[in-house]
């Protein structure tokens, strides 16, 4: 069973992600509402996959991704965001965040990506 860490400041979105992934057979090992705590929990749990929001208090999801990649360059990261303009897409590419699910969450797309990782 793959372990997932959810990093998203929205309790509603985090609960939605948790429901979707647990129904698909994944285990949620933790939830963080900001990047700083997410990085700490990444070190603690060393999950197989991390879902990230872009806009959060403190450091954003892209910077959080960079910090997680310092811990594990091969970390499996999935960005969930309503920000999918050209500039954001370029930032995501530079951060090696090739897996992006737009909000509102397309459950089938999310599960497909998670299963492929």
PDB file of N, CA and C in Angstrom:
ATOM      1  N   UNK A   1       0.849  -1.179   0.000  1.00  0.00           N
ATOM      2  CA  UNK A   1       0.000   0.000   0.000  1.00  0.00           C
ATOM      3  C   UNK A   1       0.898   1.248   0.000  1.00  0.00           C
ATOM      4  N   UNK A   2       0.703   2.107  -0.991  1.00  0.00           N
ATOM      5  CA  UNK A   2       1.495   3.333  -1.070  1.00  0.00           C
ATOM      6  C   UNK A   2       1.015   4.337  -0.028  1.00  0.00           C
ATOM      7  N   UNK A   3       2.001   5.014   0.584  1.00  0.00           N
ATOM      8  CA  UNK A   3       1.712   6.012   1.614  1.00  0.00           C
ATOM      9  C   UNK A   3       1.747   7.404   1.002  1.00  0.00           C
ATOM     10  N   UNK A   4       0.756   8.220   1.391  1.00  0.00           N
ATOM     11  CA  UNK A   4       0.617   9.565   0.829  1.00  0.00           C
ATOM     12  C   UNK A   4       0.596  10.602   1.943  1.00  0.00           C
ATOM     13  N   UNK A   5       1.318  11.698   1.711  1.00  0.00           N
ATOM     14  CA  UNK A   5       1.273  12.881   2.574  1.00  0.00           C
ATOM     15  C   UNK A   5       0.552  13.971   1.806  1.00  0.00           C
ATOM     16  N   UNK A   6      -0.428  14.583   2.450  1.00  0.00           N
ATOM     17  CA  UNK A   6      -1.201  15.669   1.833  1.00  0.00           C
ATOM     18  C   UNK A   6      -0.715  16.990   2.423  1.00  0.00           C
ATOM     19  N   UNK A   7      -0.311  17.927   1.559  1.00  0.00           N
ATOM     20  CA  UNK A   7       0.088  19.262   2.001  1.00  0.00           C
ATOM     21  C   UNK A   7      -0.836  20.249   1.304  1.00  0.00           C
ATOM     22  N   UNK A   8      -1.811  20.753   2.052  1.00  0.00           N
ATOM     23  CA  UNK A   8      -2.813  21.667   1.506  1.00  0.00           C
ATOM     24  C   UNK A   8      -3.422  22.438   2.671  1.00  0.00           C
ATOM     25  N   UNK A   9      -3.524  23.756   2.522  1.00  0.00           N
ATOM     26  CA  UNK A   9      -4.044  24.576   3.613  1.00  0.00           C
ATOM     27  C   UNK A   9      -5.563  24.513   3.748  1.00  0.00           C
ATOM     28  N   UNK A  10      -6.253  23.954   2.788  1.00  0.00           N
ATOM     29  CA  UNK A  10      -7.704  23.868   2.841  1.00  0.00           C
ATOM     30  C   UNK A  10      -8.134  22.542   3.480  1.00  0.00           C
ATOM     31  N   UNK A  11      -8.772  22.603   4.653  1.00  0.00           N
ATOM     32  CA  UNK A  11      -9.241  21.355   5.273  1.00  0.00           C
ATOM     33  C   UNK A  11     -10.241  20.610   4.383  1.00  0.00           C
ATOM     34  N   UNK A  12     -11.071  21.358   3.651  1.00  0.00           N
ATOM     35  CA  UNK A  12     -12.054  20.742   2.766  1.00  0.00           C
ATOM     36  C   UNK A  12     -11.368  19.952   1.657  1.00  0.00           C
ATOM     37  N   UNK A  13     -10.380  20.564   0.996  1.00  0.00           N
ATOM     38  CA  UNK A  13      -9.660  19.889  -0.091  1.00  0.00           C
ATOM     39  C   UNK A  13      -8.880  18.696   0.460  1.00  0.00           C
ATOM     40  N   UNK A  14      -8.226  18.871   1.611  1.00  0.00           N
ATOM     41  CA  UNK A  14      -7.466  17.770   2.203  1.00  0.00           C
ATOM     42  C   UNK A  14      -8.380  16.579   2.507  1.00  0.00           C
ATOM     43  N   UNK A  15      -9.571  16.849   3.021  1.00  0.00           N
ATOM     44  CA  UNK A  15     -10.518  15.781   3.313  1.00  0.00           C
ATOM     45  C   UNK A  15     -10.971  15.101   2.015  1.00  0.00           C
ATOM     46  N   UNK A  16     -11.197  15.902   0.972  1.00  0.00           N
ATOM     47  CA  UNK A  16     -11.598  15.342  -0.313  1.00  0.00           C
ATOM     48  C   UNK A  16     -10.499  14.434  -0.880  1.00  0.00           C
ATOM     49  N   UNK A  17      -9.258  14.900  -0.829  1.00  0.00           N
ATOM     50  CA  UNK A  17      -8.133  14.098  -1.311  1.00  0.00           C
ATOM     51  C   UNK A  17      -8.042  12.797  -0.513  1.00  0.00           C
ATOM     52  N   UNK A  18      -8.136  12.919   0.806  1.00  0.00           N
ATOM     53  CA  UNK A  18      -8.041  11.739   1.673  1.00  0.00           C
ATOM     54  C   UNK A  18      -9.115  10.716   1.315  1.00  0.00           C
ATOM     55  N   UNK A  19     -10.345  11.168   1.126  1.00  0.00           N
ATOM     56  CA  UNK A  19     -11.427  10.246   0.776  1.00  0.00           C
ATOM     57  C   UNK A  19     -11.159   9.557  -0.552  1.00  0.00           C
ATOM     58  N   UNK A  20     -10.734  10.324  -1.543  1.00  0.00           N
ATOM     59  CA  UNK A  20     -10.485   9.766  -2.874  1.00  0.00           C
ATOM     60  C   UNK A  20      -9.362   8.730  -2.826  1.00  0.00           C
ATOM     61  N   UNK A  21      -8.254   9.065  -2.180  1.00  0.00           N
ATOM     62  CA  UNK A  21      -7.100   8.164  -2.211  1.00  0.00           C
ATOM     63  C   UNK A  21      -7.294   6.938  -1.323  1.00  0.00           C
ATOM     64  N   UNK A  22      -7.971   7.085  -0.200  1.00  0.00           N
ATOM     65  CA  UNK A  22      -8.196   5.911   0.651  1.00  0.00           C
ATOM     66  C   UNK A  22      -9.165   4.938  -0.026  1.00  0.00           C
ATOM     67  N   UNK A  23     -10.176   5.467  -0.716  1.00  0.00           N
ATOM     68  CA  UNK A  23     -11.091   4.596  -1.466  1.00  0.00           C
ATOM     69  C   UNK A  23     -10.360   3.825  -2.562  1.00  0.00           C
ATOM     70  N   UNK A  24      -9.273   4.411  -3.067  1.00  0.00           N
ATOM     71  CA  UNK A  24      -8.498   3.769  -4.127  1.00  0.00           C
ATOM     72  C   UNK A  24      -7.407   2.842  -3.574  1.00  0.00           C
ATOM     73  N   UNK A  25      -7.329   2.728  -2.245  1.00  0.00           N
ATOM     74  CA  UNK A  25      -6.388   1.788  -1.647  1.00  0.00           C
ATOM     75  C   UNK A  25      -5.066   2.356  -1.185  1.00  0.00           C
ATOM     76  N   UNK A  26      -4.939   3.670  -1.153  1.00  0.00           N
ATOM     77  CA  UNK A  26      -3.722   4.303  -0.648  1.00  0.00           C
ATOM     78  C   UNK A  26      -3.903   4.617   0.837  1.00  0.00           C
ATOM     79  N   UNK A  27      -2.785   4.773   1.535  1.00  0.00           N
ATOM     80  CA  UNK A  27      -2.816   5.124   2.956  1.00  0.00           C
ATOM     81  C   UNK A  27      -2.333   6.561   3.133  1.00  0.00           C
ATOM     82  N   UNK A  28      -3.138   7.397   3.775  1.00  0.00           N
ATOM     83  CA  UNK A  28      -2.729   8.762   4.076  1.00  0.00           C
ATOM     84  C   UNK A  28      -2.001   8.732   5.419  1.00  0.00           C
ATOM     85  N   UNK A  29      -0.720   9.116   5.406  1.00  0.00           N
ATOM     86  CA  UNK A  29       0.086   9.066   6.624  1.00  0.00           C
ATOM     87  C   UNK A  29       0.121  10.402   7.356  1.00  0.00           C
ATOM     88  N   UNK A  30      -0.333  11.465   6.709  1.00  0.00           N
ATOM     89  CA  UNK A  30      -0.335  12.758   7.374  1.00  0.00           C
ATOM     90  C   UNK A  30      -0.910  13.847   6.500  1.00  0.00           C
ATOM     91  N   UNK A  31      -1.211  14.967   7.163  1.00  0.00           N
ATOM     92  CA  UNK A  31      -1.718  16.162   6.484  1.00  0.00           C
ATOM     93  C   UNK A  31      -1.049  17.367   7.105  1.00  0.00           C
ATOM     94  N   UNK A  32      -0.576  18.262   6.264  1.00  0.00           N
ATOM     95  CA  UNK A  32       0.019  19.522   6.708  1.00  0.00           C
ATOM     96  C   UNK A  32      -0.711  20.662   6.036  1.00  0.00           C
ATOM     97  N   UNK A  33      -0.859  21.774   6.781  1.00  0.00           N
ATOM     98  CA  UNK A  33      -1.571  22.933   6.248  1.00  0.00           C
ATOM     99  C   UNK A  33      -0.619  23.988   5.696  1.00  0.00           C
ATOM    100  N   UNK A  34       0.698  23.710   5.759  1.00  0.00           N
ATOM    101  CA  UNK A  34       1.669  24.647   5.188  1.00  0.00           C
ATOM    102  C   UNK A  34       2.940  23.890   4.815  1.00  0.00           C
ATOM    103  N   UNK A  35       3.767  24.549   4.027  1.00  0.00           N
ATOM    104  CA  UNK A  35       4.970  23.902   3.526  1.00  0.00           C
ATOM    105  C   UNK A  35       5.975  23.542   4.593  1.00  0.00           C
ATOM    106  N   UNK A  36       6.166  24.413   5.566  1.00  0.00           N
ATOM    107  CA  UNK A  36       7.149  24.150   6.612  1.00  0.00           C
ATOM    108  C   UNK A  36       6.817  22.860   7.356  1.00  0.00           C
ATOM    109  N   UNK A  37       5.555  22.725   7.774  1.00  0.00           N
ATOM    110  CA  UNK A  37       5.133  21.520   8.483  1.00  0.00           C
ATOM    111  C   UNK A  37       5.175  20.314   7.546  1.00  0.00           C
ATOM    112  N   UNK A  38       4.829  20.527   6.281  1.00  0.00           N
ATOM    113  CA  UNK A  38       4.867  19.448   5.300  1.00  0.00           C
ATOM    114  C   UNK A  38       6.258  18.868   5.131  1.00  0.00           C
ATOM    115  N   UNK A  39       7.260  19.727   5.134  1.00  0.00           N
ATOM    116  CA  UNK A  39       8.649  19.269   5.011  1.00  0.00           C
ATOM    117  C   UNK A  39       9.029  18.430   6.233  1.00  0.00           C
ATOM    118  N   UNK A  40       8.637  18.890   7.419  1.00  0.00           N
ATOM    119  CA  UNK A  40       8.910  18.126   8.653  1.00  0.00           C
ATOM    120  C   UNK A  40       8.234  16.753   8.592  1.00  0.00           C
ATOM    121  N   UNK A  41       6.973  16.740   8.159  1.00  0.00           N
ATOM    122  CA  UNK A  41       6.256  15.465   8.089  1.00  0.00           C
ATOM    123  C   UNK A  41       6.823  14.570   6.988  1.00  0.00           C
ATOM    124  N   UNK A  42       7.338  15.167   5.928  1.00  0.00           N
ATOM    125  CA  UNK A  42       7.979  14.361   4.894  1.00  0.00           C
ATOM    126  C   UNK A  42       9.167  13.622   5.508  1.00  0.00           C
ATOM    127  N   UNK A  43       9.998  14.326   6.264  1.00  0.00           N
ATOM    128  CA  UNK A  43      11.154  13.696   6.907  1.00  0.00           C
ATOM    129  C   UNK A  43      10.702  12.598   7.875  1.00  0.00           C
ATOM    130  N   UNK A  44       9.638  12.872   8.607  1.00  0.00           N
ATOM    131  CA  UNK A  44       9.148  11.928   9.609  1.00  0.00           C
ATOM    132  C   UNK A  44       8.575  10.657   8.980  1.00  0.00           C
ATOM    133  N   UNK A  45       7.725  10.806   7.973  1.00  0.00           N
ATOM    134  CA  UNK A  45       7.004   9.665   7.409  1.00  0.00           C
ATOM    135  C   UNK A  45       7.635   9.065   6.155  1.00  0.00           C
ATOM    136  N   UNK A  46       8.447   9.837   5.444  1.00  0.00           N
ATOM    137  CA  UNK A  46       9.042   9.408   4.175  1.00  0.00           C
ATOM    138  C   UNK A  46       7.994   8.701   3.305  1.00  0.00           C
ATOM    139  N   UNK A  47       6.929   9.430   2.941  1.00  0.00           N
ATOM    140  CA  UNK A  47       5.849   8.823   2.160  1.00  0.00           C
ATOM    141  C   UNK A  47       6.295   8.483   0.737  1.00  0.00           C
ATOM    142  N   UNK A  48       5.506   7.629   0.107  1.00  0.00           N
ATOM    143  CA  UNK A  48       5.793   7.268  -1.279  1.00  0.00           C
ATOM    144  C   UNK A  48       5.428   8.402  -2.229  1.00  0.00           C
ATOM    145  N   UNK A  49       4.366   9.150  -1.885  1.00  0.00           N
ATOM    146  CA  UNK A  49       3.847  10.216  -2.747  1.00  0.00           C
ATOM    147  C   UNK A  49       3.424  11.396  -1.873  1.00  0.00           C
ATOM    148  N   UNK A  50       3.610  12.609  -2.400  1.00  0.00           N
ATOM    149  CA  UNK A  50       3.147  13.828  -1.729  1.00  0.00           C
ATOM    150  C   UNK A  50       2.235  14.585  -2.678  1.00  0.00           C
ATOM    151  N   UNK A  51       1.065  14.998  -2.170  1.00  0.00           N
ATOM    152  CA  UNK A  51       0.232  15.931  -2.935  1.00  0.00           C
ATOM    153  C   UNK A  51       0.451  17.312  -2.338  1.00  0.00           C
ATOM    154  N   UNK A  52       0.570  18.301  -3.208  1.00  0.00           N
ATOM    155  CA  UNK A  52       0.886  19.672  -2.800  1.00  0.00           C
ATOM    156  C   UNK A  52      -0.086  20.673  -3.411  1.00  0.00           C
ATOM    157  N   UNK A  53      -0.416  21.687  -2.635  1.00  0.00           N
ATOM    158  CA  UNK A  53      -1.141  22.840  -3.149  1.00  0.00           C
ATOM    159  C   UNK A  53      -0.086  23.898  -3.486  1.00  0.00           C
ATOM    160  N   UNK A  54      -0.364  24.766  -4.431  1.00  0.00           N
ATOM    161  CA  UNK A  54       0.604  25.824  -4.748  1.00  0.00           C
ATOM    162  C   UNK A  54       0.522  26.954  -3.732  1.00  0.00           C
ATOM    163  N   UNK A  55      -0.666  27.493  -3.536  1.00  0.00           N
ATOM    164  CA  UNK A  55      -0.809  28.668  -2.663  1.00  0.00           C
ATOM    165  C   UNK A  55      -1.130  28.213  -1.248  1.00  0.00           C
ATOM    166  N   UNK A  56      -0.181  28.498  -0.338  1.00  0.00           N
ATOM    167  CA  UNK A  56      -0.335  28.167   1.078  1.00  0.00           C
ATOM    168  C   UNK A  56       0.337  29.250   1.898  1.00  0.00           C
ATOM    169  N   UNK A  57      -0.026  29.356   3.162  1.00  0.00           N
ATOM    170  CA  UNK A  57       0.685  30.304   4.025  1.00  0.00           C
ATOM    171  C   UNK A  57       2.141  29.867   4.205  1.00  0.00           C
ATOM    172  N   UNK A  58       3.016  30.824   4.418  1.00  0.00           N
ATOM    173  CA  UNK A  58       4.436  30.492   4.538  1.00  0.00           C
ATOM    174  C   UNK A  58       5.004  30.217   3.158  1.00  0.00           C
ATOM    175  N   UNK A  59       5.811  29.186   3.058  1.00  0.00           N
ATOM    176  CA  UNK A  59       6.375  28.871   1.740  1.00  0.00           C
ATOM    177  C   UNK A  59       5.319  28.175   0.887  1.00  0.00           C
ATOM    178  N   UNK A  60       5.331  28.492  -0.396  1.00  0.00           N
ATOM    179  CA  UNK A  60       4.311  27.931  -1.288  1.00  0.00           C
ATOM    180  C   UNK A  60       4.658  26.498  -1.685  1.00  0.00           C
ATOM    181  N   UNK A  61       3.778  25.885  -2.448  1.00  0.00           N
ATOM    182  CA  UNK A  61       3.952  24.500  -2.836  1.00  0.00           C
ATOM    183  C   UNK A  61       5.159  24.254  -3.722  1.00  0.00           C
ATOM    184  N   UNK A  62       5.496  25.212  -4.562  1.00  0.00           N
ATOM    185  CA  UNK A  62       6.653  25.034  -5.437  1.00  0.00           C
ATOM    186  C   UNK A  62       7.943  25.045  -4.621  1.00  0.00           C
ATOM    187  N   UNK A  63       8.066  25.988  -3.695  1.00  0.00           N
ATOM    188  CA  UNK A  63       9.247  26.022  -2.826  1.00  0.00           C
ATOM    189  C   UNK A  63       9.293  24.784  -1.936  1.00  0.00           C
ATOM    190  N   UNK A  64       8.133  24.335  -1.470  1.00  0.00           N
ATOM    191  CA  UNK A  64       8.072  23.111  -0.672  1.00  0.00           C
ATOM    192  C   UNK A  64       8.593  21.934  -1.484  1.00  0.00           C
ATOM    193  N   UNK A  65       8.217  21.877  -2.753  1.00  0.00           N
ATOM    194  CA  UNK A  65       8.700  20.809  -3.632  1.00  0.00           C
ATOM    195  C   UNK A  65      10.226  20.839  -3.741  1.00  0.00           C
ATOM    196  N   UNK A  66      10.801  22.024  -3.911  1.00  0.00           N
ATOM    197  CA  UNK A  66      12.260  22.138  -3.977  1.00  0.00           C
ATOM    198  C   UNK A  66      12.903  21.605  -2.699  1.00  0.00           C
ATOM    199  N   UNK A  67      12.333  21.958  -1.545  1.00  0.00           N
ATOM    200  CA  UNK A  67      12.886  21.518  -0.258  1.00  0.00           C
ATOM    201  C   UNK A  67      12.762  20.011  -0.082  1.00  0.00           C
ATOM    202  N   UNK A  68      11.642  19.442  -0.488  1.00  0.00           N
ATOM    203  CA  UNK A  68      11.471  17.988  -0.403  1.00  0.00           C
ATOM    204  C   UNK A  68      12.465  17.293  -1.320  1.00  0.00           C
ATOM    205  N   UNK A  69      12.698  17.855  -2.497  1.00  0.00           N
ATOM    206  CA  UNK A  69      13.660  17.248  -3.430  1.00  0.00           C
ATOM    207  C   UNK A  69      15.095  17.313  -2.884  1.00  0.00           C
ATOM    208  N   UNK A  70      15.383  18.257  -1.991  1.00  0.00           N
ATOM    209  CA  UNK A  70      16.701  18.278  -1.336  1.00  0.00           C
ATOM    210  C   UNK A  70      16.836  17.070  -0.408  1.00  0.00           C
ATOM    211  N   UNK A  71      15.747  16.658   0.192  1.00  0.00           N
ATOM    212  CA  UNK A  71      15.741  15.491   1.073  1.00  0.00           C
ATOM    213  C   UNK A  71      15.803  14.220   0.241  1.00  0.00           C
ATOM    214  N   UNK A  72      14.990  14.181  -0.815  1.00  0.00           N
ATOM    215  CA  UNK A  72      14.913  13.006  -1.684  1.00  0.00           C
ATOM    216  C   UNK A  72      14.728  13.470  -3.126  1.00  0.00           C
ATOM    217  N   UNK A  73      15.787  13.478  -3.909  1.00  0.00           N
ATOM    218  CA  UNK A  73      15.686  13.956  -5.299  1.00  0.00           C
ATOM    219  C   UNK A  73      14.676  13.182  -6.146  1.00  0.00           C
ATOM    220  N   UNK A  74      14.345  11.973  -5.736  1.00  0.00           N
ATOM    221  CA  UNK A  74      13.406  11.147  -6.494  1.00  0.00           C
ATOM    222  C   UNK A  74      11.994  11.152  -5.906  1.00  0.00           C
ATOM    223  N   UNK A  75      11.706  12.102  -5.036  1.00  0.00           N
ATOM    224  CA  UNK A  75      10.381  12.164  -4.411  1.00  0.00           C
ATOM    225  C   UNK A  75       9.301  12.245  -5.478  1.00  0.00           C
ATOM    226  N   UNK A  76       8.211  11.544  -5.245  1.00  0.00           N
ATOM    227  CA  UNK A  76       7.059  11.544  -6.152  1.00  0.00           C
ATOM    228  C   UNK A  76       6.093  12.621  -5.677  1.00  0.00           C
ATOM    229  N   UNK A  77       5.955  13.685  -6.464  1.00  0.00           N
ATOM    230  CA  UNK A  77       5.162  14.845  -6.089  1.00  0.00           C
ATOM    231  C   UNK A  77       4.055  15.092  -7.101  1.00  0.00           C
ATOM    232  N   UNK A  78       2.862  15.387  -6.590  1.00  0.00           N
ATOM    233  CA  UNK A  78       1.721  15.707  -7.435  1.00  0.00           C
ATOM    234  C   UNK A  78       1.176  17.054  -6.976  1.00  0.00           C
ATOM    235  N   UNK A  79       1.141  18.015  -7.881  1.00  0.00           N
ATOM    236  CA  UNK A  79       0.647  19.355  -7.567  1.00  0.00           C
ATOM    237  C   UNK A  79      -0.845  19.434  -7.869  1.00  0.00           C
ATOM    238  N   UNK A  80      -1.603  19.962  -6.907  1.00  0.00           N
ATOM    239  CA  UNK A  80      -3.036  20.195  -7.067  1.00  0.00           C
ATOM    240  C   UNK A  80      -3.248  21.693  -6.963  1.00  0.00           C
ATOM    241  N   UNK A  81      -3.803  22.296  -8.015  1.00  0.00           N
ATOM    242  CA  UNK A  81      -3.949  23.741  -7.967  1.00  0.00           C
ATOM    243  C   UNK A  81      -4.989  24.252  -8.937  1.00  0.00           C
ATOM    244  N   UNK A  82      -5.545  25.397  -8.582  1.00  0.00           N
ATOM    245  CA  UNK A  82      -6.445  26.101  -9.498  1.00  0.00           C
ATOM    246  C   UNK A  82      -5.659  27.086 -10.353  1.00  0.00           C
ATOM    247  N   UNK A  83      -4.369  27.257 -10.059  1.00  0.00           N
ATOM    248  CA  UNK A  83      -3.497  28.138 -10.836  1.00  0.00           C
ATOM    249  C   UNK A  83      -2.806  27.341 -11.928  1.00  0.00           C
ATOM    250  N   UNK A  84      -3.269  27.430 -13.134  1.00  0.00           N
ATOM    251  CA  UNK A  84      -2.642  26.679 -14.227  1.00  0.00           C
ATOM    252  C   UNK A  84      -2.393  27.572 -15.436  1.00  0.00           C
ATOM    253  N   UNK A  85      -2.004  28.837 -15.178  1.00  0.00           N
ATOM    254  CA  UNK A  85      -1.681  29.736 -16.284  1.00  0.00           C
ATOM    255  C   UNK A  85      -0.288  29.396 -16.810  1.00  0.00           C
ATOM    256  N   UNK A  86       0.117  30.034 -17.893  1.00  0.00           N
ATOM    257  CA  UNK A  86       1.390  29.715 -18.549  1.00  0.00           C
ATOM    258  C   UNK A  86       2.589  29.938 -17.635  1.00  0.00           C
ATOM    259  N   UNK A  87       2.579  31.016 -16.873  1.00  0.00           N
ATOM    260  CA  UNK A  87       3.705  31.301 -15.979  1.00  0.00           C
ATOM    261  C   UNK A  87       3.826  30.223 -14.904  1.00  0.00           C
ATOM    262  N   UNK A  88       2.702  29.830 -14.341  1.00  0.00           N
ATOM    263  CA  UNK A  88       2.706  28.789 -13.311  1.00  0.00           C
ATOM    264  C   UNK A  88       3.170  27.462 -13.896  1.00  0.00           C
ATOM    265  N   UNK A  89       2.713  27.134 -15.095  1.00  0.00           N
ATOM    266  CA  UNK A  89       3.135  25.896 -15.741  1.00  0.00           C
ATOM    267  C   UNK A  89       4.651  25.877 -15.950  1.00  0.00           C
ATOM    268  N   UNK A  90       5.220  27.023 -16.299  1.00  0.00           N
ATOM    269  CA  UNK A  90       6.672  27.116 -16.489  1.00  0.00           C
ATOM    270  C   UNK A  90       7.392  26.870 -15.157  1.00  0.00           C
ATOM    271  N   UNK A  91       6.887  27.466 -14.072  1.00  0.00           N
ATOM    272  CA  UNK A  91       7.476  27.258 -12.748  1.00  0.00           C
ATOM    273  C   UNK A  91       7.395  25.789 -12.341  1.00  0.00           C
ATOM    274  N   UNK A  92       6.271  25.158 -12.645  1.00  0.00           N
ATOM    275  CA  UNK A  92       6.093  23.747 -12.313  1.00  0.00           C
ATOM    276  C   UNK A  92       7.085  22.876 -13.081  1.00  0.00           C
ATOM    277  N   UNK A  93       7.304  23.185 -14.349  1.00  0.00           N
ATOM    278  CA  UNK A  93       8.274  22.442 -15.154  1.00  0.00           C
ATOM    279  C   UNK A  93       9.677  22.602 -14.591  1.00  0.00           C
ATOM    280  N   UNK A  94      10.041  23.835 -14.207  1.00  0.00           N
ATOM    281  CA  UNK A  94      11.371  24.088 -13.654  1.00  0.00           C
ATOM    282  C   UNK A  94      11.580  23.330 -12.348  1.00  0.00           C
ATOM    283  N   UNK A  95      10.507  23.141 -11.587  1.00  0.00           N
ATOM    284  CA  UNK A  95      10.584  22.421 -10.317  1.00  0.00           C
ATOM    285  C   UNK A  95      10.413  20.907 -10.500  1.00  0.00           C
ATOM    286  N   UNK A  96      10.371  20.450 -11.752  1.00  0.00           N
ATOM    287  CA  UNK A  96      10.180  19.032 -12.072  1.00  0.00           C
ATOM    288  C   UNK A  96       8.878  18.488 -11.499  1.00  0.00           C
ATOM    289  N   UNK A  97       7.836  19.311 -11.564  1.00  0.00           N
ATOM    290  CA  UNK A  97       6.509  18.903 -11.118  1.00  0.00           C
ATOM    291  C   UNK A  97       5.660  18.620 -12.353  1.00  0.00           C
ATOM    292  N   UNK A  98       5.866  17.446 -12.908  1.00  0.00           N
ATOM    293  CA  UNK A  98       5.191  17.109 -14.153  1.00  0.00           C
ATOM    294  C   UNK A  98       3.779  16.586 -13.944  1.00  0.00           C
ATOM    295  N   UNK A  99       3.435  16.259 -12.710  1.00  0.00           N
ATOM    296  CA  UNK A  99       2.101  15.732 -12.422  1.00  0.00           C
ATOM    297  C   UNK A  99       1.259  16.820 -11.766  1.00  0.00           C
ATOM    298  N   UNK A 100       0.291  17.340 -12.512  1.00  0.00           N
ATOM    299  CA  UNK A 100      -0.546  18.437 -12.030  1.00  0.00           C
ATOM    300  C   UNK A 100      -2.009  18.061 -12.216  1.00  0.00           C
ATOM    301  N   UNK A 101      -2.790  18.258 -11.166  1.00  0.00           N
ATOM    302  CA  UNK A 101      -4.237  18.045 -11.221  1.00  0.00           C
ATOM    303  C   UNK A 101      -4.882  19.380 -10.879  1.00  0.00           C
ATOM    304  N   UNK A 102      -5.712  19.858 -11.787  1.00  0.00           N
ATOM    305  CA  UNK A 102      -6.379  21.138 -11.556  1.00  0.00           C
ATOM    306  C   UNK A 102      -7.531  20.977 -10.575  1.00  0.00           C
ATOM    307  N   UNK A 103      -7.747  22.042  -9.807  1.00  0.00           N
ATOM    308  CA  UNK A 103      -8.914  22.101  -8.923  1.00  0.00           C
ATOM    309  C   UNK A 103     -10.041  22.785  -9.682  1.00  0.00           C
ATOM    310  N   UNK A 104     -11.286  22.370  -9.537  1.00  0.00           N
ATOM    311  CA  UNK A 104     -11.719  21.267  -8.684  1.00  0.00           C
ATOM    312  C   UNK A 104     -11.110  19.952  -9.155  1.00  0.00           C
ATOM    313  N   UNK A 105     -10.898  19.062  -8.217  1.00  0.00           N
ATOM    314  CA  UNK A 105     -10.150  17.835  -8.461  1.00  0.00           C
ATOM    315  C   UNK A 105     -10.915  16.871  -9.362  1.00  0.00           C
ATOM    316  N   UNK A 106     -10.222  16.444 -10.409  1.00  0.00           N
ATOM    317  CA  UNK A 106     -10.710  15.385 -11.277  1.00  0.00           C
ATOM    318  C   UNK A 106     -10.247  14.080 -10.614  1.00  0.00           C
ATOM    319  N   UNK A 107     -11.164  13.394  -9.940  1.00  0.00           N
ATOM    320  CA  UNK A 107     -10.811  12.221  -9.133  1.00  0.00           C
ATOM    321  C   UNK A 107     -10.162  11.121  -9.962  1.00  0.00           C
ATOM    322  N   UNK A 108     -10.690  10.874 -11.150  1.00  0.00           N
ATOM    323  CA  UNK A 108     -10.135   9.819 -11.993  1.00  0.00           C
ATOM    324  C   UNK A 108      -8.702  10.151 -12.423  1.00  0.00           C
ATOM    325  N   UNK A 109      -8.468  11.419 -12.771  1.00  0.00           N
ATOM    326  CA  UNK A 109      -7.122  11.837 -13.173  1.00  0.00           C
ATOM    327  C   UNK A 109      -6.154  11.694 -12.002  1.00  0.00           C
ATOM    328  N   UNK A 110      -6.579  12.121 -10.811  1.00  0.00           N
ATOM    329  CA  UNK A 110      -5.722  12.020  -9.629  1.00  0.00           C
ATOM    330  C   UNK A 110      -5.342  10.570  -9.369  1.00  0.00           C
ATOM    331  N   UNK A 111      -6.315   9.673  -9.358  1.00  0.00           N
ATOM    332  CA  UNK A 111      -6.046   8.258  -9.084  1.00  0.00           C
ATOM    333  C   UNK A 111      -5.146   7.677 -10.173  1.00  0.00           C
ATOM    334  N   UNK A 112      -5.385   8.035 -11.416  1.00  0.00           N
ATOM    335  CA  UNK A 112      -4.564   7.534 -12.517  1.00  0.00           C
ATOM    336  C   UNK A 112      -3.098   7.942 -12.328  1.00  0.00           C
ATOM    337  N   UNK A 113      -2.876   9.202 -11.971  1.00  0.00           N
ATOM    338  CA  UNK A 113      -1.510   9.684 -11.733  1.00  0.00           C
ATOM    339  C   UNK A 113      -0.885   8.958 -10.554  1.00  0.00           C
ATOM    340  N   UNK A 114      -1.607   8.846  -9.441  1.00  0.00           N
ATOM    341  CA  UNK A 114      -1.066   8.194  -8.249  1.00  0.00           C
ATOM    342  C   UNK A 114      -0.708   6.740  -8.536  1.00  0.00           C
ATOM    343  N   UNK A 115      -1.556   6.050  -9.273  1.00  0.00           N
ATOM    344  CA  UNK A 115      -1.282   4.648  -9.594  1.00  0.00           C
ATOM    345  C   UNK A 115      -0.085   4.499 -10.518  1.00  0.00           C
ATOM    346  N   UNK A 116       0.208   5.522 -11.325  1.00  0.00           N
ATOM    347  CA  UNK A 116       1.335   5.445 -12.252  1.00  0.00           C
ATOM    348  C   UNK A 116       2.677   5.711 -11.564  1.00  0.00           C
ATOM    349  N   UNK A 117       2.628   6.257 -10.373  1.00  0.00           N
ATOM    350  CA  UNK A 117       3.879   6.606  -9.677  1.00  0.00           C
ATOM    351  C   UNK A 117       4.457   5.435  -8.894  1.00  0.00           C
TER     352      UNK A 117
END
